[in-house]
C-alpha cells in the first residue's frame, strides 16, 4: 500500500475534481464567468470607455448601476439600452417604481412596447426582488432578459410603505439589497440576464471632523451594496452653468449636456470621463459630435488652421478640409467613408493608445485654445 501511495503523490485528476465540485453544487461552477455579449448605450465614445480593448457597452449577465443627478438622462440611457437589447433578441422587463415612464417617449426612442417588452409597476424593494427571482426561475435559460429597475432610490422598503417610521428603517434598504444581490448574482449570469439598476446621486453632508474636499461628494441609496455587487457603475452629473442645456437657433431647449464618469468598471479603467449631449426634442438620441471632435484633435491625423479651419487626413493621404463643428457633423453623418475614417481614429485614440498607455486622455497638444474657440464660434 505504501508503494501504491507513493506512485500517486503529486498526481491529481482535475476533471474528476471538477466533476465532484459540480456535483456538490448541482451546477457547473468550475468555469469562469466571462462576458460574452455587450449592450450598446448608443454612444461609441461611452461604449469604448467601459471595457478596455474593445467597443463594448453594458455587460450581459451582470449587475449594473446607473446613477445620476436629476434630469441627467438616467431613464434615457435605460431606454436606449432597452432598444439595443431588443435588437439583440432580448426580452426587456421594465420595473417602474416612479410611475414616470412615458410610452410616447419610449416609442420615439425606438423601443417596441408591443413585443419583447413587459412593464411592471413595482411597489417595494422586496416585491421587486421577488419578481426578478420569480421571472428568472420561470424563464430559465430559454430567453435572455434585460431587467431595468427605475429606480432603486424611489422604491420604498415594505416597512416604509406600510407604516413610515424614519427611526426604524435606517439601513434597512442597504441590508436587503446586500442579501438579495448576493443571491441574484449567480442566477443572473447563468440565465445571461442583465440587471440595470437606476439610482440617484445625493449630496453627501460631511460629518463632524471630515473635510469637504477629503470625502466623496455624492452617495447613492442602498449603502455599500451597489459598491460591492455591481460590475459596472456609471455616474451622470450636470454640466454646471448655463451650458447644461442644448438649444436650437431660436433658443428653445432641445437637449441637455451631461458628464459621464465610470465610477467602477471590472472591465476597464475607473474614473474615465466624457461629455455627451442627450437630445430629446423631435428625435431622441445621443449627440456626441463635440466629444468625438475633441478626441480627433489629439490624433496625428488632425491639423488645425485659422478661422475655425482644420484638416483631417487618412492613412492613404486623402485630406478633408473642414470649417466648424457643423461642417464636421454633416460630413460625419452623410459620408460613410469619412465616418469610417473617424471611427478608426477613435478606436486608435480611445482603445489602442489607452491600452498601450501611449499619450494621455488629457493630451490636446495638437490644438491651441484659440483654434478650439474658432471652431466653436463657427458652429
Protein backbone atom coordinates (compact mmCIF):
# COMPACT_ATOMS: atom_id res chain seq x y z
CA UNK A 1 0.00 0.00 0.00
CA UNK A 2 2.82 2.37 0.81
CA UNK A 3 4.35 1.84 -2.64
CA UNK A 4 0.99 2.49 -4.30
CA UNK A 5 0.54 5.75 -2.33
CA UNK A 6 4.00 6.94 -3.38
CA UNK A 7 3.18 6.49 -7.01
CA UNK A 8 0.02 8.62 -6.67
CA UNK A 9 1.66 11.53 -4.87
CA UNK A 10 1.50 14.73 -6.96
CA UNK A 11 -0.99 13.33 -9.45
CA UNK A 12 -4.45 14.94 -9.42
CA UNK A 13 -7.24 14.11 -11.81
CA UNK A 14 -8.51 17.65 -12.49
CA UNK A 15 -11.55 16.52 -14.44
CA UNK A 16 -12.59 14.22 -11.64
CA UNK A 17 -12.15 17.03 -9.13
CA UNK A 18 -14.20 19.43 -11.28
CA UNK A 19 -16.97 16.88 -11.68
CA UNK A 20 -17.05 16.42 -7.90
CA UNK A 21 -17.39 20.17 -7.32
CA UNK A 22 -20.12 20.46 -9.95
CA UNK A 23 -21.97 17.53 -8.37
CA UNK A 24 -21.84 19.12 -4.92
CA UNK A 25 -23.06 22.47 -6.26
CA UNK A 26 -25.67 20.95 -8.58
CA UNK A 27 -24.44 23.12 -11.45
CA UNK A 28 -21.35 23.91 -13.50
CA UNK A 29 -19.29 26.01 -11.10
CA UNK A 30 -15.79 25.22 -12.37
CA UNK A 31 -15.75 27.64 -15.30
CA UNK A 32 -15.04 31.36 -15.14
CA UNK A 33 -17.79 33.85 -15.94
CA UNK A 34 -16.60 35.90 -18.93
CA UNK A 35 -18.82 38.48 -20.57
CA UNK A 36 -19.98 37.07 -23.90
CA UNK A 37 -22.16 39.95 -25.12
CA UNK A 38 -22.49 43.68 -24.57
CA UNK A 39 -25.49 46.00 -24.85
CA UNK A 40 -24.65 49.33 -26.50
CA UNK A 41 -25.70 52.59 -24.86
CA UNK A 42 -25.89 54.42 -28.19
CA UNK A 43 -22.60 56.25 -27.75
CA UNK A 44 -19.45 54.93 -29.41
CA UNK A 45 -17.34 57.04 -27.02
CA UNK A 46 -19.01 55.70 -23.86
CA UNK A 47 -19.11 52.12 -25.17
CA UNK A 48 -15.36 52.32 -25.87
CA UNK A 49 -14.57 53.57 -22.36
CA UNK A 50 -16.40 50.82 -20.47
CA UNK A 51 -14.21 47.88 -21.49
CA UNK A 52 -10.52 48.13 -22.24
CA UNK A 53 -9.59 46.92 -25.69
CA UNK A 54 -13.00 46.92 -27.40
CA UNK A 55 -16.18 48.83 -28.19
CA UNK A 56 -18.46 47.27 -25.57
CA UNK A 57 -21.41 48.66 -23.59
CA UNK A 58 -23.33 47.09 -20.71
CA UNK A 59 -22.08 43.58 -19.85
CA UNK A 60 -24.73 40.88 -20.33
CA UNK A 61 -25.29 38.67 -17.29
CA UNK A 62 -24.10 41.25 -14.74
CA UNK A 63 -25.43 43.79 -12.24
CA UNK A 64 -25.04 47.43 -13.34
CA UNK A 65 -25.78 50.68 -11.54
CA UNK A 66 -26.60 53.83 -13.48
CA UNK A 67 -26.78 56.71 -11.02
CA UNK A 68 -27.14 60.42 -11.60
CA UNK A 69 -28.47 63.76 -10.52
CA UNK A 70 -31.95 64.79 -11.52
CA UNK A 71 -32.51 65.33 -15.26
CA UNK A 72 -29.17 63.85 -16.33
CA UNK A 73 -30.53 61.13 -18.62
CA UNK A 74 -30.75 58.04 -16.41
CA UNK A 75 -34.08 56.94 -17.89
CA UNK A 76 -32.90 57.89 -21.38
CA UNK A 77 -29.84 55.62 -21.21
CA UNK A 78 -32.04 52.85 -19.79
CA UNK A 79 -34.44 53.20 -22.74
CA UNK A 80 -31.51 53.23 -25.15
CA UNK A 81 -30.24 50.00 -23.58
CA UNK A 82 -33.76 48.55 -23.93
CA UNK A 83 -33.81 49.39 -27.64
CA UNK A 84 -30.43 47.79 -28.28
CA UNK A 85 -31.37 44.73 -26.18
CA UNK A 86 -34.49 44.21 -28.29
CA UNK A 87 -32.37 44.36 -31.44
CA UNK A 88 -30.29 41.56 -29.91
CA UNK A 89 -33.44 39.48 -29.40
CA UNK A 90 -33.69 40.03 -25.64
CA UNK A 91 -36.80 40.35 -23.51
CA UNK A 92 -36.93 43.73 -21.71
CA UNK A 93 -38.68 43.91 -18.33
CA UNK A 94 -39.16 47.45 -17.04
CA UNK A 95 -39.77 47.65 -13.27
CA UNK A 96 -41.14 51.14 -12.64
CA UNK A 97 -41.31 52.46 -9.08
CA UNK A 98 -41.77 56.11 -10.08
CA UNK A 99 -44.78 55.72 -12.44
CA UNK A 100 -42.98 58.16 -14.71
CA UNK A 101 -42.45 56.11 -17.86
CA UNK A 102 -43.81 57.96 -20.89
CA UNK A 103 -44.86 55.45 -23.59
CA UNK A 104 -44.65 58.09 -26.33
CA UNK A 105 -41.07 58.96 -25.37
CA UNK A 106 -40.16 55.26 -25.21
CA UNK A 107 -41.54 54.62 -28.69
CA UNK A 108 -39.83 57.72 -30.13
CA UNK A 109 -36.57 56.32 -28.77
CA UNK A 110 -37.15 53.19 -30.86
CA UNK A 111 -38.41 50.68 -28.27
CA UNK A 112 -41.13 48.25 -29.37
CA UNK A 113 -43.52 48.15 -26.40
CA UNK A 114 -45.77 45.55 -28.05
CA UNK A 115 -43.11 42.86 -28.49
CA UNK A 116 -40.41 41.60 -26.11
CA UNK A 117 -41.32 44.28 -23.58
CA UNK A 118 -43.06 43.88 -20.21
CA UNK A 119 -43.94 46.82 -17.98
CA UNK A 120 -44.33 46.16 -14.22
CA UNK A 121 -45.34 48.82 -11.70
CA UNK A 122 -43.50 47.82 -8.57
CA UNK A 123 -44.39 48.85 -5.02
CA UNK A 124 -41.49 47.86 -2.75
CA UNK A 125 -37.89 46.71 -2.77
CA UNK A 126 -38.85 43.28 -1.51
CA UNK A 127 -41.56 42.79 -4.16
CA UNK A 128 -39.22 43.93 -6.92
CA UNK A 129 -36.55 41.44 -5.91
CA UNK A 130 -39.13 38.66 -5.59
CA UNK A 131 -40.43 39.44 -9.08
CA UNK A 132 -36.92 39.33 -10.57
CA UNK A 133 -36.18 36.00 -8.88
CA UNK A 134 -39.54 34.51 -9.96
CA UNK A 135 -39.01 35.55 -13.58
CA UNK A 136 -35.51 34.04 -13.63
CA UNK A 137 -36.86 30.77 -12.24
CA UNK A 138 -39.78 30.61 -14.69
CA UNK A 139 -38.00 31.69 -17.87
CA UNK A 140 -34.76 29.82 -17.24
CA UNK A 141 -32.09 29.99 -19.92
CA UNK A 142 -34.51 29.98 -22.85
CA UNK A 143 -34.66 33.78 -23.17
CA UNK A 144 -32.07 36.42 -22.39
CA UNK A 145 -33.53 39.22 -20.28
CA UNK A 146 -32.69 42.83 -19.54
CA UNK A 147 -34.23 43.95 -16.23
CA UNK A 148 -34.46 47.74 -15.81
CA UNK A 149 -35.26 48.91 -12.28
CA UNK A 150 -36.34 52.57 -12.29
CA UNK A 151 -35.35 53.41 -9.67
CA UNK A 152 -33.85 51.96 -6.52
CA UNK A 153 -33.87 55.33 -4.76
CA UNK A 154 -37.62 55.78 -5.37
CA UNK A 155 -38.58 52.25 -4.27
CA UNK A 156 -39.54 52.03 -0.58
CA UNK A 157 -38.99 49.03 1.64
CA UNK A 158 -42.20 47.40 2.86
CA UNK A 159 -41.84 48.79 6.38
CA UNK A 160 -41.78 52.31 4.90
CA UNK A 161 -44.73 51.61 2.62
CA UNK A 162 -46.91 50.24 5.42
CA UNK A 163 -46.00 52.39 8.42
CA UNK A 164 -43.43 55.11 7.90
CA UNK A 165 -41.09 55.47 10.84
CA UNK A 166 -37.72 57.03 9.91
CA UNK A 167 -36.05 55.74 13.06
CA UNK A 168 -36.96 52.09 12.40
CA UNK A 169 -35.86 51.92 8.76
CA UNK A 170 -32.30 53.26 8.86
CA UNK A 171 -30.11 50.95 6.80
CA UNK A 172 -32.94 48.52 6.01
CA UNK A 173 -32.73 49.03 2.23
CA UNK A 174 -28.96 48.54 2.27
CA UNK A 175 -29.22 45.26 4.20
CA UNK A 176 -31.99 43.94 1.95
CA UNK A 177 -30.08 44.83 -1.22
CA UNK A 178 -26.83 43.28 0.03
CA UNK A 179 -28.52 39.95 0.73
CA UNK A 180 -30.59 40.00 -2.47
CA UNK A 181 -27.76 40.92 -4.86
CA UNK A 182 -25.53 38.25 -3.34
CA UNK A 183 -28.31 35.76 -4.05
CA UNK A 184 -29.06 37.02 -7.58
CA UNK A 185 -25.53 37.43 -8.97
CA UNK A 186 -25.03 33.77 -9.99
CA UNK A 187 -28.57 33.14 -11.35
CA UNK A 188 -28.30 36.30 -13.46
CA UNK A 189 -25.10 35.07 -15.08
CA UNK A 190 -26.37 31.53 -15.63
CA UNK A 191 -29.50 32.87 -17.32
CA UNK A 192 -27.49 35.53 -19.21
CA UNK A 193 -29.87 38.08 -17.70
CA UNK A 194 -28.76 41.65 -17.04
CA UNK A 195 -29.94 43.79 -14.12
CA UNK A 196 -29.70 47.53 -14.78
CA UNK A 197 -30.49 49.46 -11.59
CA UNK A 198 -31.13 53.19 -11.88
CA UNK A 199 -30.24 55.21 -8.80
CA UNK A 200 -29.91 58.79 -7.62
CA UNK A 201 -26.80 60.73 -6.69
CA UNK A 202 -27.40 62.53 -3.41
CA UNK A 203 -25.11 65.16 -1.95
CA UNK A 204 -23.09 63.82 0.96
CA UNK A 205 -23.06 66.09 4.02
CA UNK A 206 -19.65 65.80 5.72
CA UNK A 207 -19.76 64.68 9.32
CA UNK A 208 -18.00 66.41 12.17
CA UNK A 209 -14.25 66.28 11.64
CA UNK A 210 -14.49 65.46 7.91
CA UNK A 211 -13.08 67.94 5.43
CA UNK A 212 -15.45 68.51 2.46
CA UNK A 213 -12.60 68.04 -0.04
CA UNK A 214 -11.46 64.77 1.54
CA UNK A 215 -14.75 62.88 1.16
CA UNK A 216 -16.85 61.72 -1.79
CA UNK A 217 -19.22 64.46 -2.95
CA UNK A 218 -22.09 62.08 -3.70
CA UNK A 219 -23.63 58.99 -2.16
CA UNK A 220 -26.24 56.60 -3.53
CA UNK A 221 -29.15 54.94 -1.69
CA UNK A 222 -28.67 51.30 -0.58
CA UNK A 223 -25.37 51.94 1.12
CA UNK A 224 -22.37 49.91 0.03
CA UNK A 225 -24.37 47.12 -1.63
CA UNK A 226 -24.01 48.62 -5.11
CA UNK A 227 -20.32 49.35 -4.49
CA UNK A 228 -19.62 45.67 -3.96
CA UNK A 229 -22.05 43.81 -6.19
CA UNK A 230 -22.25 45.99 -9.32
CA UNK A 231 -19.74 45.02 -12.01
CA UNK A 232 -20.21 48.42 -13.62
CA UNK A 233 -21.21 51.75 -12.05
CA UNK A 234 -21.83 54.79 -14.23
CA UNK A 235 -22.43 58.23 -12.72
CA UNK A 236 -24.13 61.08 -14.57
CA UNK A 237 -23.76 64.69 -13.45
CA UNK A 238 -24.87 68.01 -14.88
CA UNK A 239 -22.61 70.34 -16.76
CA UNK A 240 -22.63 73.37 -14.50
CA UNK A 241 -23.88 76.78 -15.54
CA UNK A 242 -25.99 77.89 -18.48
CA UNK A 243 -24.39 75.31 -20.80
CA UNK A 244 -26.31 72.47 -19.11
CA UNK A 245 -28.97 72.60 -21.84
CA UNK A 246 -28.63 72.34 -25.62
CA UNK A 247 -30.68 74.89 -27.55
CA UNK A 248 -31.83 75.34 -31.13
CA UNK A 249 -31.40 78.51 -33.19
CA UNK A 250 -34.46 80.07 -31.54
CA UNK A 251 -33.25 79.44 -28.01
CA UNK A 252 -35.58 76.50 -27.26
CA UNK A 253 -34.19 73.74 -25.11
CA UNK A 254 -33.87 70.55 -27.15
CA UNK A 255 -31.40 68.56 -25.06
CA UNK A 256 -29.03 68.56 -22.11
CA UNK A 257 -25.28 68.28 -21.56
CA UNK A 258 -24.16 65.58 -19.14
CA UNK A 259 -20.82 64.44 -17.79
CA UNK A 260 -20.40 60.66 -17.69
CA UNK A 261 -17.98 59.03 -15.26
CA UNK A 262 -17.05 55.37 -14.88
CA UNK A 263 -17.24 55.12 -11.11
CA UNK A 264 -16.46 51.41 -11.19
CA UNK A 265 -15.66 49.04 -14.03
CA UNK A 266 -14.33 45.50 -13.75
CA UNK A 267 -13.58 45.63 -17.46
CA UNK A 268 -11.83 48.95 -17.93
CA UNK A 269 -10.22 51.85 -16.12
CA UNK A 270 -12.24 53.61 -13.45
CA UNK A 271 -12.89 57.36 -13.40
CA UNK A 272 -12.61 57.84 -17.18
CA UNK A 273 -14.99 60.60 -18.19
CA UNK A 274 -16.66 62.04 -21.27
CA UNK A 275 -19.28 64.68 -22.04
CA UNK A 276 -22.37 63.93 -24.11
CA UNK A 277 -25.49 65.72 -25.31
CA UNK A 278 -28.82 63.97 -24.82
CA UNK A 279 -31.31 65.18 -27.42
CA UNK A 280 -35.00 64.80 -26.57
CA UNK A 281 -36.90 67.07 -28.93
CA UNK A 282 -38.21 65.78 -32.29
CA UNK A 283 -35.65 62.96 -32.21
CA UNK A 284 -34.33 61.09 -29.20
CA UNK A 285 -30.62 60.24 -29.45
CA UNK A 286 -27.12 60.82 -28.05
CA UNK A 287 -25.25 63.64 -29.76
CA UNK A 288 -21.55 63.10 -29.14
CA UNK A 289 -20.04 65.03 -32.03
CA UNK A 290 -18.36 67.57 -29.68
CA UNK A 291 -16.61 64.78 -27.78
CA UNK A 292 -15.65 62.95 -30.98
CA UNK A 293 -14.01 66.07 -32.42
CA UNK A 294 -12.17 66.72 -29.14
CA UNK A 295 -10.72 63.21 -29.33
CA UNK A 296 -9.80 63.58 -33.01
CA UNK A 297 -7.80 66.70 -32.12
CA UNK A 298 -5.32 64.55 -30.19
CA UNK A 299 -4.55 62.47 -33.26
CA UNK A 300 -1.66 62.95 -35.67
CA UNK A 301 -4.26 62.84 -38.45
CA UNK A 302 -5.57 66.26 -37.30
CA UNK A 303 -4.02 69.62 -38.15
CA UNK A 304 -5.53 72.97 -37.24
CA UNK A 305 -5.69 76.27 -39.06
CA UNK A 306 -7.07 79.78 -38.66
CA UNK A 307 -10.70 80.97 -38.60
CA UNK A 308 -12.00 77.58 -37.46
CA UNK A 309 -10.49 75.64 -40.37
CA UNK A 310 -8.87 72.26 -39.77
CA UNK A 311 -7.76 69.24 -41.82
CA UNK A 312 -8.24 65.54 -41.14
CA UNK A 313 -6.05 63.13 -43.14
CA UNK A 314 -6.40 59.43 -43.76
CA UNK A 315 -3.61 56.84 -43.83
CA UNK A 316 -3.89 56.89 -47.63
CA UNK A 317 -3.11 60.66 -47.59
CA UNK A 318 -6.66 61.66 -48.50
CA UNK A 319 -7.37 65.03 -46.87
CA UNK A 320 -10.65 66.54 -45.65
CA UNK A 321 -10.53 70.30 -45.14
CA UNK A 322 -13.36 71.45 -42.87
CA UNK A 323 -14.54 74.56 -41.06
CA UNK A 324 -16.51 74.44 -37.85
CA UNK A 325 -18.32 71.75 -35.93
CA UNK A 326 -21.45 71.81 -38.12
CA UNK A 327 -19.41 71.10 -41.26
CA UNK A 328 -17.69 68.21 -39.47
CA UNK A 329 -21.00 66.80 -38.19
CA UNK A 330 -22.71 66.95 -41.59
CA UNK A 331 -19.86 65.12 -43.30
CA UNK A 332 -19.72 62.56 -40.46
CA UNK A 333 -23.44 61.81 -40.87
CA UNK A 334 -23.58 61.84 -44.69
CA UNK A 335 -20.26 60.41 -45.90
CA UNK A 336 -19.76 56.73 -44.99
CA UNK A 337 -16.07 56.74 -45.96
CA UNK A 338 -15.38 59.77 -43.75
CA UNK A 339 -17.40 58.26 -40.90
CA UNK A 340 -15.39 55.03 -41.06
CA UNK A 341 -12.17 57.07 -41.02
CA UNK A 342 -13.31 58.91 -37.88
CA UNK A 343 -14.34 55.65 -36.19
CA UNK A 344 -10.91 54.17 -36.97
CA UNK A 345 -9.19 57.21 -35.43
CA UNK A 346 -11.49 57.00 -32.39
CA UNK A 347 -10.61 53.36 -31.92
CA UNK A 348 -6.90 54.18 -32.08
CA UNK A 349 -7.18 57.08 -29.63
CA UNK A 350 -9.72 55.60 -27.18
CA UNK A 351 -8.79 51.94 -27.24
CA UNK A 352 -5.39 51.16 -28.77
CA UNK A 353 -3.40 54.08 -27.34
CA UNK A 354 -5.10 53.83 -23.96
CA UNK A 355 -4.45 50.08 -23.85
CA UNK A 356 -0.75 50.61 -24.66
CA UNK A 357 -0.55 53.70 -22.40
CA UNK A 358 0.51 55.94 -25.27
CA UNK A 359 -0.11 59.61 -24.54
CA UNK A 360 -2.74 60.86 -22.12
CA UNK A 361 -6.50 61.30 -22.24
CA UNK A 362 -5.81 64.94 -21.29
CA UNK A 363 -3.43 65.36 -24.24
CA UNK A 364 -4.70 68.08 -26.58
CA UNK A 365 -1.33 69.43 -27.66
CA UNK A 366 -2.31 69.26 -31.34
CA UNK A 367 -4.70 72.20 -30.98
CA UNK A 368 -4.40 75.56 -29.33
CA UNK A 369 -7.15 77.12 -27.20
CA UNK A 370 -7.54 79.82 -29.87
CA UNK A 371 -8.17 77.21 -32.59
CA UNK A 372 -10.73 75.46 -30.40
CA UNK A 373 -12.59 78.72 -29.77
CA UNK A 374 -12.59 79.48 -33.51
CA UNK A 375 -14.18 76.10 -34.33
CA UNK A 376 -16.89 76.59 -31.69
CA UNK A 377 -17.58 80.13 -32.89
CA UNK A 378 -18.11 78.89 -36.46
CA UNK A 379 -20.70 76.44 -35.15
